Protein backbone atom coordinates (compact mmCIF):
# COMPACT_ATOMS: atom_id res chain seq x y z
CA MET A 1 -32.01 20.33 4.74
CA ALA A 2 -30.04 17.19 3.96
CA PRO A 3 -31.48 13.97 5.41
CA LEU A 4 -29.73 10.64 5.11
CA THR A 5 -29.94 9.06 1.70
CA GLU A 6 -32.06 5.94 1.37
CA THR A 7 -28.91 3.83 1.21
CA GLU A 8 -27.47 5.47 4.33
CA GLU A 9 -30.64 4.86 6.29
CA GLN A 10 -30.88 1.25 5.13
CA THR A 11 -27.33 0.79 6.38
CA LEU A 12 -28.29 2.30 9.75
CA VAL A 13 -31.30 -0.01 10.04
CA GLN A 14 -29.19 -3.06 9.31
CA GLN A 15 -26.62 -1.98 11.88
CA VAL A 16 -29.34 -1.70 14.51
CA LEU A 17 -30.81 -5.10 13.60
CA ASP A 18 -27.34 -6.66 13.84
CA GLN A 19 -26.69 -4.96 17.16
CA LEU A 20 -29.92 -6.29 18.68
CA ALA A 21 -29.69 -9.75 17.12
CA SER A 22 -28.06 -11.46 20.11
CA SER A 23 -30.14 -9.67 22.74
CA SER A 24 -33.60 -10.18 24.20
CA TYR A 25 -34.74 -7.44 21.85
CA ALA A 26 -33.81 -9.08 18.56
CA CYS A 27 -36.18 -7.78 15.89
CA SER A 28 -37.36 -9.29 12.65
CA ALA A 29 -38.10 -5.85 11.23
CA LEU A 30 -37.85 -2.14 11.99
CA ALA A 31 -40.57 0.18 10.71
CA LYS A 32 -39.68 3.85 10.58
CA LEU A 33 -41.90 6.16 12.63
CA GLY A 34 -42.74 9.75 11.78
CA GLY A 35 -43.24 12.70 14.08
CA GLY A 36 -39.69 13.28 15.29
CA THR A 37 -36.91 15.39 13.83
CA ALA A 38 -33.93 14.85 16.12
CA ASN A 39 -33.61 11.06 16.25
CA PHE A 40 -34.16 7.97 14.14
CA LEU A 41 -37.26 6.25 15.51
CA TYR A 42 -38.44 2.76 14.64
CA ARG A 43 -41.05 0.29 15.82
CA GLY A 44 -39.31 -3.03 16.17
CA THR A 45 -41.17 -6.31 15.78
CA LEU A 46 -39.62 -8.69 18.27
CA LYS A 47 -38.68 -12.19 17.21
CA GLU A 48 -39.77 -13.40 20.64
CA PRO A 49 -42.43 -11.57 22.69
CA LEU A 50 -41.07 -9.79 25.73
CA LEU A 51 -42.61 -10.73 29.06
CA ASP A 52 -43.18 -7.33 30.66
CA GLY A 53 -45.20 -7.12 33.83
CA GLY A 54 -47.31 -10.08 32.82
CA ASP A 55 -48.11 -8.75 29.35
CA ASN A 56 -46.69 -10.23 26.19
CA THR A 57 -45.02 -7.37 24.35
CA SER A 58 -44.44 -8.07 20.68
CA THR A 59 -43.10 -4.63 19.69
CA VAL A 60 -40.67 -2.07 21.08
CA ILE A 61 -39.54 1.40 20.13
CA VAL A 62 -35.93 1.66 18.98
CA LYS A 63 -34.51 5.17 19.24
CA VAL A 64 -31.12 5.91 17.68
CA SER A 65 -29.43 9.20 18.49
CA THR A 66 -26.65 10.68 16.39
CA GLY A 67 -24.51 13.79 16.49
CA PHE A 68 -26.84 15.47 14.02
CA VAL A 69 -30.56 16.02 13.50
CA ALA A 70 -32.19 13.02 11.84
CA THR A 71 -33.94 15.20 9.28
CA ASN A 72 -30.82 17.26 8.53
CA LYS A 73 -27.37 15.71 8.84
CA ASP A 74 -25.82 19.17 8.39
CA PHE A 75 -27.37 20.35 11.71
CA PRO A 76 -25.13 19.19 14.60
CA LEU A 77 -26.80 18.05 17.82
CA ASP A 78 -25.22 16.98 21.09
CA VAL A 79 -25.50 13.19 21.17
CA SER A 80 -25.20 13.10 24.97
CA ARG A 81 -28.92 13.96 25.07
CA CYS A 82 -29.75 10.25 25.01
CA GLU A 83 -27.74 9.67 28.18
CA PHE A 84 -29.79 12.27 30.05
CA GLU A 85 -32.99 10.74 28.73
CA LYS A 86 -31.89 7.31 29.90
CA SER A 87 -31.20 8.64 33.41
CA MET A 88 -34.53 10.44 33.56
CA LEU A 89 -36.55 7.47 32.33
CA SER A 90 -34.89 5.25 34.91
CA ALA A 91 -35.78 7.73 37.66
CA LEU A 92 -39.37 8.09 36.49
CA ASP A 93 -40.00 4.45 37.36
CA GLY A 94 -40.28 5.68 40.94
CA PHE A 95 -42.47 8.70 40.24
CA PRO A 96 -46.04 8.61 41.62
CA LYS A 97 -48.23 9.06 38.58
CA ALA A 98 -51.85 8.46 39.67
CA ILE A 99 -54.24 11.41 39.45
CA SER A 100 -57.77 11.60 40.83
CA THR A 101 -60.03 14.42 39.66
CA SER A 102 -63.71 15.14 39.94
CA GLY A 103 -64.11 13.31 36.62
CA GLY A 104 -62.38 10.07 37.57
CA HIS A 105 -58.99 8.41 37.73
CA VAL A 106 -55.99 8.79 35.43
CA ILE A 107 -52.44 7.48 35.46
CA VAL A 108 -49.64 9.15 33.52
CA LYS A 109 -46.73 7.01 32.40
CA ALA A 110 -43.35 7.53 30.79
CA PRO A 111 -41.94 4.69 28.70
CA LYS A 112 -39.82 2.06 30.38
CA ILE A 113 -36.29 1.86 29.08
CA PHE A 114 -35.38 -1.76 28.42
CA SER A 115 -31.89 -1.34 27.02
CA PHE A 116 -29.34 1.38 26.31
CA ASP A 117 -26.15 0.96 24.30
CA GLU A 118 -23.73 3.73 25.23
CA LYS A 119 -21.49 3.12 22.21
CA THR A 120 -24.18 3.32 19.55
CA HIS A 121 -26.54 5.61 21.50
CA THR A 122 -29.41 3.21 20.92
CA GLN A 123 -32.35 2.92 23.30
CA VAL A 124 -34.94 0.16 23.35
CA LEU A 125 -38.11 1.56 24.84
CA GLN A 126 -41.60 0.46 25.78
CA ASP A 127 -44.01 0.78 22.88
CA PHE A 128 -47.35 2.41 23.61
CA ALA A 129 -49.26 0.77 20.80
CA ASP A 130 -52.73 1.85 19.72
CA THR A 131 -52.23 5.44 20.79
CA ALA A 132 -52.29 8.83 19.12
CA ASP A 133 -50.61 12.06 20.17
CA VAL A 134 -52.71 15.00 21.30
CA THR A 135 -51.67 17.21 18.39
CA THR A 136 -52.79 14.61 15.85
CA ILE A 137 -56.06 14.15 17.74
CA LEU A 138 -56.78 17.89 17.86
CA GLU A 139 -56.11 18.30 14.15
CA SER A 140 -58.20 15.27 13.21
CA PRO A 141 -61.68 15.71 11.66
CA SER A 142 -62.90 13.30 14.37
CA VAL A 143 -61.59 15.36 17.30
CA ASN A 144 -65.10 15.81 18.72
CA GLU A 145 -65.59 12.02 18.74
CA THR A 146 -62.21 11.41 20.40
CA LEU A 147 -62.66 14.23 22.92
CA PRO A 148 -66.45 14.35 23.33
CA GLY A 149 -68.32 16.81 25.51
CA SER A 150 -66.15 17.98 28.39
CA GLY A 151 -63.28 15.76 27.17
CA PRO A 152 -60.93 18.65 26.29
CA VAL A 153 -61.34 20.22 29.73
CA SER A 154 -60.94 16.83 31.41
CA LEU A 155 -57.80 16.04 29.43
CA GLY A 156 -56.27 19.45 30.14
CA LEU A 157 -57.07 19.09 33.82
CA SER A 158 -55.34 15.71 34.01
CA VAL A 159 -52.26 16.86 32.09
CA GLY A 160 -51.95 20.04 34.15
CA SER A 161 -52.34 18.14 37.42
CA TRP A 162 -49.66 15.68 36.37
CA LEU A 163 -47.21 18.41 35.29
CA ARG A 164 -47.57 20.18 38.63
CA MET A 165 -47.05 16.85 40.39
CA PHE A 166 -43.94 16.19 38.29
CA HIS A 167 -42.46 19.63 38.98
CA ASN A 168 -43.12 19.25 42.72
CA TRP A 169 -41.64 15.74 42.76
CA THR A 170 -38.41 16.86 41.13
CA ALA A 171 -38.10 19.61 43.77
CA GLU A 172 -38.12 17.16 46.65
CA PRO A 173 -34.83 16.70 48.54
CA ALA A 174 -34.86 13.02 47.57
CA GLN A 175 -34.42 14.07 43.93
CA SER A 176 -31.47 16.42 44.49
CA ALA A 177 -28.99 13.93 43.02
CA LEU A 178 -31.23 13.49 39.97
CA ALA A 179 -31.46 17.26 39.53
CA SER A 180 -27.68 17.54 39.58
CA GLN A 181 -27.22 14.65 37.18
CA VAL A 182 -29.91 15.39 34.62
CA GLY A 183 -29.93 19.16 35.03
CA ALA A 184 -26.50 19.31 33.39
CA ASN A 185 -28.04 18.70 29.95
CA GLU A 186 -26.26 21.73 28.53
CA GLY A 187 -26.57 20.76 24.88
CA MET A 188 -30.35 20.62 24.90
CA ARG A 189 -30.64 23.71 27.09
CA LYS A 190 -28.67 25.67 24.50
CA LEU A 191 -30.82 24.20 21.74
CA LYS A 192 -33.98 25.28 23.56
CA CYS A 193 -32.61 28.81 23.78
CA LEU A 194 -31.59 28.75 20.11
CA ILE A 195 -35.05 27.85 18.86
CA THR A 196 -36.89 30.24 21.18
CA TYR A 197 -35.21 33.27 22.75
CA ASP A 198 -32.40 33.49 20.20
CA SER A 199 -34.94 33.46 17.37
CA PHE A 200 -38.11 35.36 18.25
CA ILE A 201 -36.85 38.89 17.49
CA GLU A 202 -35.33 37.69 14.22
CA ILE A 203 -38.75 36.34 13.27
CA LEU A 204 -40.55 39.57 14.17
CA GLU A 205 -38.03 41.57 12.15
CA ARG A 206 -39.22 39.72 9.06
CA HIS A 207 -42.48 41.59 9.60
CA PRO A 208 -41.37 44.87 11.22
CA GLU A 209 -44.90 46.24 11.28
CA VAL A 210 -45.58 43.82 14.14
CA ILE A 211 -42.87 45.27 16.39
CA GLU A 212 -44.70 48.59 16.85
CA GLY A 213 -42.27 50.36 19.15
CA THR A 214 -41.75 47.38 21.46
CA MET A 215 -38.17 46.58 20.44
CA ASP A 216 -36.55 47.88 23.63
CA ILE A 217 -38.66 45.58 25.80
CA LEU A 218 -38.20 42.66 23.42
CA LYS A 219 -34.42 43.07 23.50
CA GLU A 220 -34.48 43.24 27.30
CA VAL A 221 -36.44 40.01 27.43
CA GLN A 222 -34.08 38.36 24.98
CA ALA A 223 -30.92 39.41 26.82
CA THR A 224 -32.26 38.35 30.20
CA MET A 225 -33.42 34.96 28.99
CA GLN A 226 -30.27 34.26 27.01
CA ASN A 227 -28.30 34.93 30.18
CA GLU A 228 -30.54 32.53 32.12
CA PHE A 229 -30.18 29.76 29.55
CA ASN A 230 -26.47 30.17 28.89
CA GLY A 231 -25.19 31.29 32.27
CA PRO A 232 -24.27 29.12 35.26
CA GLN A 233 -27.24 27.02 36.36
CA PRO A 234 -28.29 27.11 40.02
CA THR A 235 -27.79 23.93 42.00
CA GLU A 236 -30.92 24.29 44.11
CA GLN A 237 -34.63 24.73 43.44
CA ASP A 238 -35.79 28.33 43.21
CA GLY A 239 -38.98 28.86 45.15
CA GLY A 240 -41.13 26.78 42.82
CA VAL A 241 -40.04 28.73 39.75
CA ARG A 242 -37.00 26.81 38.52
CA GLY A 243 -36.13 23.13 38.69
CA LEU A 244 -36.12 20.04 36.50
CA ILE A 245 -38.42 20.41 33.49
CA HIS A 246 -39.43 18.13 30.64
CA GLY A 247 -38.10 20.73 28.21
CA ASP A 248 -40.23 19.80 25.17
CA PHE A 249 -43.73 19.62 26.62
CA TRP A 250 -46.17 19.87 23.73
CA GLY A 251 -49.09 17.89 22.35
CA GLY A 252 -46.89 15.73 20.12
CA ASN A 253 -45.23 14.25 23.20
CA ILE A 254 -48.49 13.38 24.99
CA LEU A 255 -50.14 10.14 23.86
CA LEU A 256 -53.69 8.95 24.49
CA PRO A 257 -55.16 5.46 24.00
CA SER A 258 -57.19 5.01 20.85
CA GLY A 259 -60.91 5.60 21.13
CA PRO A 260 -62.98 8.27 22.89
CA TRP A 261 -61.32 9.92 25.90
CA THR A 262 -62.98 9.19 29.22
CA GLU A 263 -61.69 9.21 32.77
CA SER A 264 -62.11 5.86 34.44
CA ARG A 265 -64.42 5.63 37.41
CA ASP A 266 -62.48 2.61 38.67
CA PRO A 267 -59.35 3.60 40.62
CA ALA A 268 -57.97 0.11 40.01
CA LYS A 269 -58.16 0.65 36.24
CA PRO A 270 -57.31 4.30 35.63
CA THR A 271 -57.29 5.84 32.17
CA GLU A 272 -53.74 6.04 30.82
CA ILE A 273 -51.83 9.02 29.42
CA PHE A 274 -48.27 8.65 28.16
CA VAL A 275 -45.58 11.34 28.15
CA ILE A 276 -42.64 10.60 25.83
CA ASP A 277 -39.42 12.12 24.49
CA TRP A 278 -37.44 13.03 27.60
CA GLU A 279 -34.12 13.92 25.98
CA ASN A 280 -34.72 17.65 26.52
CA VAL A 281 -34.98 17.27 30.30
CA GLN A 282 -32.95 20.04 31.93
CA PHE A 283 -32.73 22.40 34.88
CA GLY A 284 -34.73 25.43 33.86
CA HIS A 285 -37.71 27.68 34.35
CA ARG A 286 -41.01 25.88 34.79
CA ALA A 287 -42.61 28.45 32.48
CA VAL A 288 -40.92 26.59 29.60
CA ASP A 289 -43.13 23.54 30.20
CA VAL A 290 -46.31 25.41 31.10
CA GLY A 291 -46.06 28.12 28.45
CA GLY A 292 -44.85 25.70 25.80
CA LEU A 293 -47.98 23.55 26.00
CA LEU A 294 -50.33 26.54 26.23
CA ALA A 295 -48.82 28.07 23.09
CA ASP A 296 -48.93 24.74 21.30
CA LEU A 297 -52.61 24.25 22.10
CA TYR A 298 -53.46 27.79 21.04
CA GLU A 299 -51.55 27.34 17.79
CA ARG A 300 -54.04 24.60 16.79
CA ASN A 301 -56.92 26.96 17.44
CA HIS A 302 -55.44 30.01 15.74
CA PHE A 303 -54.23 28.39 12.54
CA LYS A 304 -56.57 25.42 12.17
CA GLY A 305 -59.69 26.49 13.99
CA VAL A 306 -59.58 23.66 16.55
CA GLU A 307 -62.23 24.69 19.05
CA ALA A 308 -61.26 21.95 21.53
CA SER A 309 -57.93 23.67 22.15
CA ILE A 310 -59.46 26.50 24.18
CA PRO A 311 -61.21 24.36 26.84
CA ALA A 312 -58.12 22.14 26.93
CA MET A 313 -56.02 25.23 27.77
CA LYS A 314 -58.44 26.25 30.52
CA GLY A 315 -58.45 22.74 31.95
CA PHE A 316 -54.65 22.64 31.87
CA ILE A 317 -54.40 25.96 33.72
CA GLU A 318 -56.88 24.75 36.34
CA GLY A 319 -55.09 21.42 36.70
CA TYR A 320 -51.66 22.99 37.17
CA GLY A 321 -53.14 25.12 39.91
CA PRO A 322 -52.38 28.53 41.42
CA LEU A 323 -49.08 30.19 40.49
CA SER A 324 -46.97 32.86 42.06
CA GLU A 325 -47.27 36.10 40.12
CA ASP A 326 -43.61 35.84 39.08
CA LEU A 327 -44.18 32.40 37.54
CA ALA A 328 -47.46 33.44 35.91
CA TYR A 329 -45.89 36.47 34.24
CA ARG A 330 -43.00 34.37 33.00
CA VAL A 331 -45.48 31.82 31.62
CA ALA A 332 -47.07 34.65 29.62
CA VAL A 333 -43.67 35.59 28.22
CA HIS A 334 -42.78 32.05 27.22
CA THR A 335 -46.22 31.42 25.74
CA GLY A 336 -45.68 34.44 23.51
CA VAL A 337 -42.16 33.43 22.49
CA HIS A 338 -43.19 29.85 21.73
CA LEU A 339 -46.14 31.04 19.66
CA ILE A 340 -43.95 33.40 17.62
CA CYS A 341 -41.39 30.66 17.02
CA TRP A 342 -44.05 28.63 15.23
CA TYR A 343 -42.66 30.58 12.27
CA TYR A 344 -39.46 28.49 12.36
CA ARG A 345 -41.11 25.18 13.26
CA ARG A 346 -41.83 24.60 9.59
CA ASN A 347 -39.94 24.44 6.32
CA ARG A 348 -38.44 27.92 6.24
CA ASN A 349 -37.84 27.70 2.51
CA ALA A 350 -41.49 27.01 1.75
CA PRO A 351 -44.20 29.67 1.35
CA LEU A 352 -46.16 30.58 4.46
CA PRO A 353 -48.77 27.84 5.00
CA HIS A 354 -51.41 30.34 6.12
CA PRO A 355 -52.64 33.72 4.85
CA LEU A 356 -50.38 36.61 5.85
CA PRO A 357 -53.03 38.34 8.01
CA LYS A 358 -53.44 35.14 10.03
CA VAL A 359 -49.67 34.89 10.49
CA LEU A 360 -49.34 38.53 11.50
CA ALA A 361 -52.17 38.10 14.01
CA ALA A 362 -50.32 35.19 15.67
CA LEU A 363 -47.09 37.19 15.81
CA SER A 364 -48.96 40.13 17.33
CA ILE A 365 -50.57 37.95 20.00
CA GLY A 366 -47.17 36.50 20.84
CA ARG A 367 -45.61 39.97 20.99
CA ASP A 368 -48.33 41.25 23.32
CA LEU A 369 -47.99 38.27 25.66
CA ILE A 370 -44.26 38.92 25.91
CA VAL A 371 -44.61 42.66 26.51
CA LYS A 372 -47.54 42.43 28.92
CA GLY A 373 -45.95 39.55 30.79
CA TRP A 374 -42.64 41.36 31.11
CA THR A 375 -44.28 44.60 32.28
CA LYS A 376 -46.62 42.66 34.58
CA ASP A 377 -49.82 44.07 33.14
CA LYS A 378 -52.24 41.81 34.97
CA THR A 379 -55.35 43.66 33.77
CA TRP A 380 -54.48 43.06 30.12
CA LEU A 381 -53.42 39.48 30.72
CA GLN A 382 -56.75 38.69 32.39
CA THR A 383 -58.40 39.28 28.99
CA SER A 384 -55.79 37.32 27.00
CA ILE A 385 -55.80 33.77 25.66
CA ILE A 386 -54.41 32.65 29.04
CA GLY A 387 -56.67 34.95 31.03
CA SER A 388 -57.88 32.35 33.53
CA MET A 389 -54.30 31.99 34.81
CA PHE A 390 -54.46 35.59 35.99
CA ALA A 391 -57.78 35.37 37.78
CA ASP A 392 -57.27 36.46 41.39
CA GLU A 393 -58.11 32.98 42.70
CA ASN A 394 -55.36 31.44 40.54
CA LEU A 395 -52.56 33.69 41.79
CA LEU A 396 -50.77 32.94 45.03
CA LYS A 397 -50.55 35.85 47.38
């Protein structure tokens, strides 16, 4: 991996400061943010506070996209991704985001986009200050203070309810133009395939004892999904199975306000959740969003012993609501693939960060989810890590 040199990044920062100098978003400083790999992310301190909806905003997020991955300039990446993100963020301004559950009231927000420079691929975005992402919260020693009691279930329920609402909203006839415009994000769709369905068999082959006579099914899954990702994309929604998806829906892209999580009892002041990083938005299978988050949550439990992950998964499944059997089985498949591909979401040149038996157990769970999902083994799936999804009351007839 070859990131920019310190001099190269200092030059980039100065270019951004110069570019913004004559705008309403002129910054006195840019502080680099961690957590992302594809783009250069900074928190900009504005020279003059921005009047935004009555609130004085003193900081913004500055996101610079390039034709390569920010952490590896030798890895090319389609820079048009930022244009799709800009279009999606603009559209999300009109998306109904309020959620009412038995626990209270929540509102889910995407960042406002203040400015976009098409030549330099620079976005100026709303800054959600004093927040932490769900992954960081789950892995924190203070997770039980941040998500006390039934907090994990409550959070999962809210996130699942919002995701179902988002998927349904994008399927409405009023969003057909948006689906055509944003759904053409071919570069990020191919990247999603590369880091999931192109890779999972290669990972398992590193530990052939895990394959255990399942290769024929695994290859069938791979070929079918590669064809779906790389073939012509449908222009219409597909019975609640395919449509616009976030494309990178995991805990790191879900932010919560600092402090203990509670759902507000006041509908006029709902608790806020923020969903960020929309450059992967694409027309695809909804299982990518649902299974991606389920696998991500389980990964925290399996490798780091985060107990809160399991009730969060159950809450998320309940919040998303009943699925058709076809969608549920595909969610099982994608959950398995995403879990296996944890293996490549790390420094591949470094030693395994966990004991080999723990790694092999994760690969085996992922393999079984793929095989049992593909063969539609509902009885087995009802006892799996996503078993509540396959309860009879959660499957549409």
